[in-house]
Amino acid sequence: MPLGVFDSGIGGLTVVKALRTAFPRRDILYVGDTARVPYGNKSAETVEAYSREIIGFLKSKGV
């Protein structure tokens, strides 16, 4: 099973780099939601909806 990383921007790429070092044989699927940044000015309900949508995508890819 691949590892999934979800970030609301591009900062998660540093996490992906560390994961690649720690788990060199694991596939990693990274989703950076740069289309809807910043998340800070969104309501909790909106951020939850975005997160559920992206988690659904990751699940559909076997993460």
PDB file of N, CA and C in Angstrom:
ATOM      1  N   MET A   1       0.848  -1.180   0.000  1.00  0.00           N
ATOM      2  CA  MET A   1       0.000   0.000   0.000  1.00  0.00           C
ATOM      3  C   MET A   1       0.892   1.241   0.000  1.00  0.00           C
ATOM      4  N   PRO A   2       0.611   2.191  -0.881  1.00  0.00           N
ATOM      5  CA  PRO A   2       1.407   3.419  -0.906  1.00  0.00           C
ATOM      6  C   PRO A   2       1.095   4.324   0.282  1.00  0.00           C
ATOM      7  N   LEU A   3       2.021   5.203   0.568  1.00  0.00           N
ATOM      8  CA  LEU A   3       1.809   6.224   1.588  1.00  0.00           C
ATOM      9  C   LEU A   3       1.142   7.427   0.929  1.00  0.00           C
ATOM     10  N   GLY A   4       0.210   8.035   1.612  1.00  0.00           N
ATOM     11  CA  GLY A   4      -0.443   9.225   1.096  1.00  0.00           C
ATOM     12  C   GLY A   4      -0.086  10.444   1.920  1.00  0.00           C
ATOM     13  N   VAL A   5       0.198  11.535   1.241  1.00  0.00           N
ATOM     14  CA  VAL A   5       0.502  12.803   1.903  1.00  0.00           C
ATOM     15  C   VAL A   5      -0.415  13.863   1.307  1.00  0.00           C
ATOM     16  N   PHE A   6      -1.136  14.543   2.172  1.00  0.00           N
ATOM     17  CA  PHE A   6      -2.039  15.606   1.743  1.00  0.00           C
ATOM     18  C   PHE A   6      -1.603  16.902   2.408  1.00  0.00           C
ATOM     19  N   ASP A   7      -1.503  17.945   1.613  1.00  0.00           N
ATOM     20  CA  ASP A   7      -1.103  19.249   2.120  1.00  0.00           C
ATOM     21  C   ASP A   7      -1.973  20.307   1.457  1.00  0.00           C
ATOM     22  N   SER A   8      -2.219  21.377   2.169  1.00  0.00           N
ATOM     23  CA  SER A   8      -3.038  22.447   1.603  1.00  0.00           C
ATOM     24  C   SER A   8      -2.236  23.376   0.698  1.00  0.00           C
ATOM     25  N   GLY A   9      -0.994  23.076   0.497  1.00  0.00           N
ATOM     26  CA  GLY A   9      -0.154  23.905  -0.370  1.00  0.00           C
ATOM     27  C   GLY A   9       0.969  23.075  -0.952  1.00  0.00           C
ATOM     28  N   ILE A  10       2.214  23.526  -0.760  1.00  0.00           N
ATOM     29  CA  ILE A  10       3.362  22.771  -1.258  1.00  0.00           C
ATOM     30  C   ILE A  10       4.357  22.434  -0.154  1.00  0.00           C
ATOM     31  N   GLY A  11       4.102  22.872   1.062  1.00  0.00           N
ATOM     32  CA  GLY A  11       5.019  22.616   2.173  1.00  0.00           C
ATOM     33  C   GLY A  11       5.212  21.146   2.478  1.00  0.00           C
ATOM     34  N   GLY A  12       4.252  20.327   2.111  1.00  0.00           N
ATOM     35  CA  GLY A  12       4.336  18.893   2.360  1.00  0.00           C
ATOM     36  C   GLY A  12       5.418  18.197   1.559  1.00  0.00           C
ATOM     37  N   LEU A  13       5.972  18.879   0.582  1.00  0.00           N
ATOM     38  CA  LEU A  13       7.039  18.261  -0.210  1.00  0.00           C
ATOM     39  C   LEU A  13       8.256  17.937   0.644  1.00  0.00           C
ATOM     40  N   THR A  14       8.504  18.707   1.701  1.00  0.00           N
ATOM     41  CA  THR A  14       9.610  18.381   2.599  1.00  0.00           C
ATOM     42  C   THR A  14       9.311  17.103   3.370  1.00  0.00           C
ATOM     43  N   VAL A  15       8.051  16.879   3.685  1.00  0.00           N
ATOM     44  CA  VAL A  15       7.644  15.635   4.344  1.00  0.00           C
ATOM     45  C   VAL A  15       7.839  14.466   3.391  1.00  0.00           C
ATOM     46  N   VAL A  16       7.462  14.644   2.134  1.00  0.00           N
ATOM     47  CA  VAL A  16       7.638  13.590   1.132  1.00  0.00           C
ATOM     48  C   VAL A  16       9.114  13.235   0.999  1.00  0.00           C
ATOM     49  N   LYS A  17       9.965  14.224   0.979  1.00  0.00           N
ATOM     50  CA  LYS A  17      11.406  13.976   0.876  1.00  0.00           C
ATOM     51  C   LYS A  17      11.893  13.130   2.052  1.00  0.00           C
ATOM     52  N   ALA A  18      11.459  13.469   3.251  1.00  0.00           N
ATOM     53  CA  ALA A  18      11.849  12.701   4.437  1.00  0.00           C
ATOM     54  C   ALA A  18      11.292  11.282   4.387  1.00  0.00           C
ATOM     55  N   LEU A  19      10.059  11.136   3.917  1.00  0.00           N
ATOM     56  CA  LEU A  19       9.466   9.803   3.797  1.00  0.00           C
ATOM     57  C   LEU A  19      10.216   8.954   2.776  1.00  0.00           C
ATOM     58  N   ARG A  20      10.638   9.553   1.683  1.00  0.00           N
ATOM     59  CA  ARG A  20      11.402   8.815   0.666  1.00  0.00           C
ATOM     60  C   ARG A  20      12.719   8.301   1.245  1.00  0.00           C
ATOM     61  N   THR A  21      13.325   9.091   2.114  1.00  0.00           N
ATOM     62  CA  THR A  21      14.557   8.660   2.770  1.00  0.00           C
ATOM     63  C   THR A  21      14.274   7.528   3.753  1.00  0.00           C
ATOM     64  N   ALA A  22      13.211   7.677   4.530  1.00  0.00           N
ATOM     65  CA  ALA A  22      12.870   6.679   5.550  1.00  0.00           C
ATOM     66  C   ALA A  22      12.303   5.396   4.962  1.00  0.00           C
ATOM     67  N   PHE A  23      11.581   5.503   3.855  1.00  0.00           N
ATOM     68  CA  PHE A  23      10.915   4.357   3.238  1.00  0.00           C
ATOM     69  C   PHE A  23      11.218   4.323   1.737  1.00  0.00           C
ATOM     70  N   PRO A  24      12.452   4.023   1.375  1.00  0.00           N
ATOM     71  CA  PRO A  24      12.849   4.127  -0.038  1.00  0.00           C
ATOM     72  C   PRO A  24      12.105   3.192  -0.987  1.00  0.00           C
ATOM     73  N   ARG A  25      11.523   2.129  -0.471  1.00  0.00           N
ATOM     74  CA  ARG A  25      10.832   1.166  -1.339  1.00  0.00           C
ATOM     75  C   ARG A  25       9.320   1.378  -1.403  1.00  0.00           C
ATOM     76  N   ARG A  26       8.832   2.352  -0.677  1.00  0.00           N
ATOM     77  CA  ARG A  26       7.385   2.607  -0.662  1.00  0.00           C
ATOM     78  C   ARG A  26       7.018   3.644  -1.709  1.00  0.00           C
ATOM     79  N   ASP A  27       5.909   3.394  -2.396  1.00  0.00           N
ATOM     80  CA  ASP A  27       5.356   4.406  -3.292  1.00  0.00           C
ATOM     81  C   ASP A  27       4.688   5.484  -2.445  1.00  0.00           C
ATOM     82  N   ILE A  28       4.776   6.712  -2.900  1.00  0.00           N
ATOM     83  CA  ILE A  28       4.183   7.842  -2.179  1.00  0.00           C
ATOM     84  C   ILE A  28       3.316   8.636  -3.145  1.00  0.00           C
ATOM     85  N   LEU A  29       2.093   8.890  -2.719  1.00  0.00           N
ATOM     86  CA  LEU A  29       1.183   9.724  -3.503  1.00  0.00           C
ATOM     87  C   LEU A  29       0.997  11.038  -2.745  1.00  0.00           C
ATOM     88  N   TYR A  30       1.402  12.122  -3.373  1.00  0.00           N
ATOM     89  CA  TYR A  30       1.337  13.451  -2.764  1.00  0.00           C
ATOM     90  C   TYR A  30       0.234  14.267  -3.429  1.00  0.00           C
ATOM     91  N   VAL A  31      -0.608  14.875  -2.606  1.00  0.00           N
ATOM     92  CA  VAL A  31      -1.641  15.781  -3.103  1.00  0.00           C
ATOM     93  C   VAL A  31      -1.426  17.134  -2.429  1.00  0.00           C
ATOM     94  N   GLY A  32      -1.090  18.127  -3.227  1.00  0.00           N
ATOM     95  CA  GLY A  32      -0.961  19.493  -2.742  1.00  0.00           C
ATOM     96  C   GLY A  32      -2.100  20.326  -3.318  1.00  0.00           C
ATOM     97  N   ASP A  33      -2.988  20.765  -2.469  1.00  0.00           N
ATOM     98  CA  ASP A  33      -4.176  21.498  -2.921  1.00  0.00           C
ATOM     99  C   ASP A  33      -3.855  22.979  -3.102  1.00  0.00           C
ATOM    100  N   THR A  34      -3.069  23.280  -4.115  1.00  0.00           N
ATOM    101  CA  THR A  34      -2.686  24.670  -4.362  1.00  0.00           C
ATOM    102  C   THR A  34      -3.811  25.487  -5.000  1.00  0.00           C
ATOM    103  N   ALA A  35      -4.829  24.822  -5.503  1.00  0.00           N
ATOM    104  CA  ALA A  35      -5.935  25.536  -6.157  1.00  0.00           C
ATOM    105  C   ALA A  35      -6.814  26.289  -5.160  1.00  0.00           C
ATOM    106  N   ARG A  36      -6.834  25.836  -3.891  1.00  0.00           N
ATOM    107  CA  ARG A  36      -7.769  26.437  -2.937  1.00  0.00           C
ATOM    108  C   ARG A  36      -7.079  27.084  -1.736  1.00  0.00           C
ATOM    109  N   VAL A  37      -5.793  27.365  -1.856  1.00  0.00           N
ATOM    110  CA  VAL A  37      -5.085  28.025  -0.758  1.00  0.00           C
ATOM    111  C   VAL A  37      -5.429  29.508  -0.735  1.00  0.00           C
ATOM    112  N   PRO A  38      -5.356  30.156   0.397  1.00  0.00           N
ATOM    113  CA  PRO A  38      -5.004  29.613   1.702  1.00  0.00           C
ATOM    114  C   PRO A  38      -6.218  28.988   2.390  1.00  0.00           C
ATOM    115  N   TYR A  39      -5.964  28.002   3.220  1.00  0.00           N
ATOM    116  CA  TYR A  39      -7.035  27.368   3.989  1.00  0.00           C
ATOM    117  C   TYR A  39      -7.388  28.197   5.230  1.00  0.00           C
ATOM    118  N   GLY A  40      -6.464  29.029   5.685  1.00  0.00           N
ATOM    119  CA  GLY A  40      -6.642  29.762   6.935  1.00  0.00           C
ATOM    120  C   GLY A  40      -7.862  30.664   6.983  1.00  0.00           C
ATOM    121  N   ASN A  41      -8.299  31.154   5.847  1.00  0.00           N
ATOM    122  CA  ASN A  41      -9.460  32.045   5.848  1.00  0.00           C
ATOM    123  C   ASN A  41     -10.764  31.317   5.530  1.00  0.00           C
ATOM    124  N   LYS A  42     -10.707  29.994   5.442  1.00  0.00           N
ATOM    125  CA  LYS A  42     -11.897  29.187   5.148  1.00  0.00           C
ATOM    126  C   LYS A  42     -12.541  28.724   6.460  1.00  0.00           C
ATOM    127  N   SER A  43     -13.829  28.449   6.402  1.00  0.00           N
ATOM    128  CA  SER A  43     -14.523  27.939   7.587  1.00  0.00           C
ATOM    129  C   SER A  43     -14.089  26.501   7.861  1.00  0.00           C
ATOM    130  N   ALA A  44     -14.294  26.070   9.089  1.00  0.00           N
ATOM    131  CA  ALA A  44     -13.960  24.693   9.455  1.00  0.00           C
ATOM    132  C   ALA A  44     -14.729  23.704   8.584  1.00  0.00           C
ATOM    133  N   GLU A  45     -15.966  24.019   8.277  1.00  0.00           N
ATOM    134  CA  GLU A  45     -16.788  23.135   7.449  1.00  0.00           C
ATOM    135  C   GLU A  45     -16.215  23.015   6.037  1.00  0.00           C
ATOM    136  N   THR A  46     -15.738  24.119   5.503  1.00  0.00           N
ATOM    137  CA  THR A  46     -15.157  24.105   4.160  1.00  0.00           C
ATOM    138  C   THR A  46     -13.871  23.292   4.138  1.00  0.00           C
ATOM    139  N   VAL A  47     -13.009  23.501   5.125  1.00  0.00           N
ATOM    140  CA  VAL A  47     -11.754  22.740   5.194  1.00  0.00           C
ATOM    141  C   VAL A  47     -12.052  21.255   5.358  1.00  0.00           C
ATOM    142  N   GLU A  48     -13.048  20.923   6.162  1.00  0.00           N
ATOM    143  CA  GLU A  48     -13.428  19.519   6.323  1.00  0.00           C
ATOM    144  C   GLU A  48     -13.907  18.938   4.997  1.00  0.00           C
ATOM    145  N   ALA A  49     -14.703  19.677   4.255  1.00  0.00           N
ATOM    146  CA  ALA A  49     -15.195  19.197   2.957  1.00  0.00           C
ATOM    147  C   ALA A  49     -14.037  18.977   1.987  1.00  0.00           C
ATOM    148  N   TYR A  50     -13.099  19.912   1.928  1.00  0.00           N
ATOM    149  CA  TYR A  50     -11.923  19.744   1.072  1.00  0.00           C
ATOM    150  C   TYR A  50     -11.143  18.492   1.474  1.00  0.00           C
ATOM    151  N   SER A  51     -10.953  18.336   2.778  1.00  0.00           N
ATOM    152  CA  SER A  51     -10.186  17.198   3.288  1.00  0.00           C
ATOM    153  C   SER A  51     -10.865  15.877   2.961  1.00  0.00           C
ATOM    154  N   ARG A  52     -12.163  15.806   3.144  1.00  0.00           N
ATOM    155  CA  ARG A  52     -12.895  14.577   2.814  1.00  0.00           C
ATOM    156  C   ARG A  52     -12.788  14.260   1.323  1.00  0.00           C
ATOM    157  N   GLU A  53     -12.859  15.284   0.494  1.00  0.00           N
ATOM    158  CA  GLU A  53     -12.734  15.088  -0.951  1.00  0.00           C
ATOM    159  C   GLU A  53     -11.358  14.505  -1.305  1.00  0.00           C
ATOM    160  N   ILE A  54     -10.325  15.067  -0.733  1.00  0.00           N
ATOM    161  CA  ILE A  54      -8.970  14.606  -1.047  1.00  0.00           C
ATOM    162  C   ILE A  54      -8.707  13.234  -0.438  1.00  0.00           C
ATOM    163  N   ILE A  55      -9.212  12.977   0.749  1.00  0.00           N
ATOM    164  CA  ILE A  55      -9.077  11.644   1.342  1.00  0.00           C
ATOM    165  C   ILE A  55      -9.785  10.614   0.469  1.00  0.00           C
ATOM    166  N   GLY A  56     -10.947  10.961  -0.057  1.00  0.00           N
ATOM    167  CA  GLY A  56     -11.644  10.060  -0.982  1.00  0.00           C
ATOM    168  C   GLY A  56     -10.804   9.758  -2.208  1.00  0.00           C
ATOM    169  N   PHE A  57     -10.139  10.779  -2.745  1.00  0.00           N
ATOM    170  CA  PHE A  57      -9.252  10.573  -3.887  1.00  0.00           C
ATOM    171  C   PHE A  57      -8.115   9.627  -3.517  1.00  0.00           C
ATOM    172  N   LEU A  58      -7.478   9.864  -2.369  1.00  0.00           N
ATOM    173  CA  LEU A  58      -6.377   8.996  -1.940  1.00  0.00           C
ATOM    174  C   LEU A  58      -6.857   7.552  -1.769  1.00  0.00           C
ATOM    175  N   LYS A  59      -8.019   7.372  -1.170  1.00  0.00           N
ATOM    176  CA  LYS A  59      -8.572   6.023  -1.005  1.00  0.00           C
ATOM    177  C   LYS A  59      -8.824   5.359  -2.354  1.00  0.00           C
ATOM    178  N   SER A  60      -9.295   6.131  -3.318  1.00  0.00           N
ATOM    179  CA  SER A  60      -9.565   5.563  -4.644  1.00  0.00           C
ATOM    180  C   SER A  60      -8.286   5.099  -5.332  1.00  0.00           C
ATOM    181  N   LYS A  61      -7.153   5.613  -4.869  1.00  0.00           N
ATOM    182  CA  LYS A  61      -5.853   5.229  -5.421  1.00  0.00           C
ATOM    183  C   LYS A  61      -5.174   4.144  -4.584  1.00  0.00           C
ATOM    184  N   GLY A  62      -5.899   3.607  -3.606  1.00  0.00           N
ATOM    185  CA  GLY A  62      -5.367   2.512  -2.804  1.00  0.00           C
ATOM    186  C   GLY A  62      -4.492   2.926  -1.642  1.00  0.00           C
ATOM    187  N   VAL A  63      -4.596   4.181  -1.252  1.00  0.00           N
ATOM    188  CA  VAL A  63      -3.804   4.666  -0.117  1.00  0.00           C
ATOM    189  C   VAL A  63      -4.585   4.423   1.156  1.00  0.00           C
TER     190      VAL A  63
END
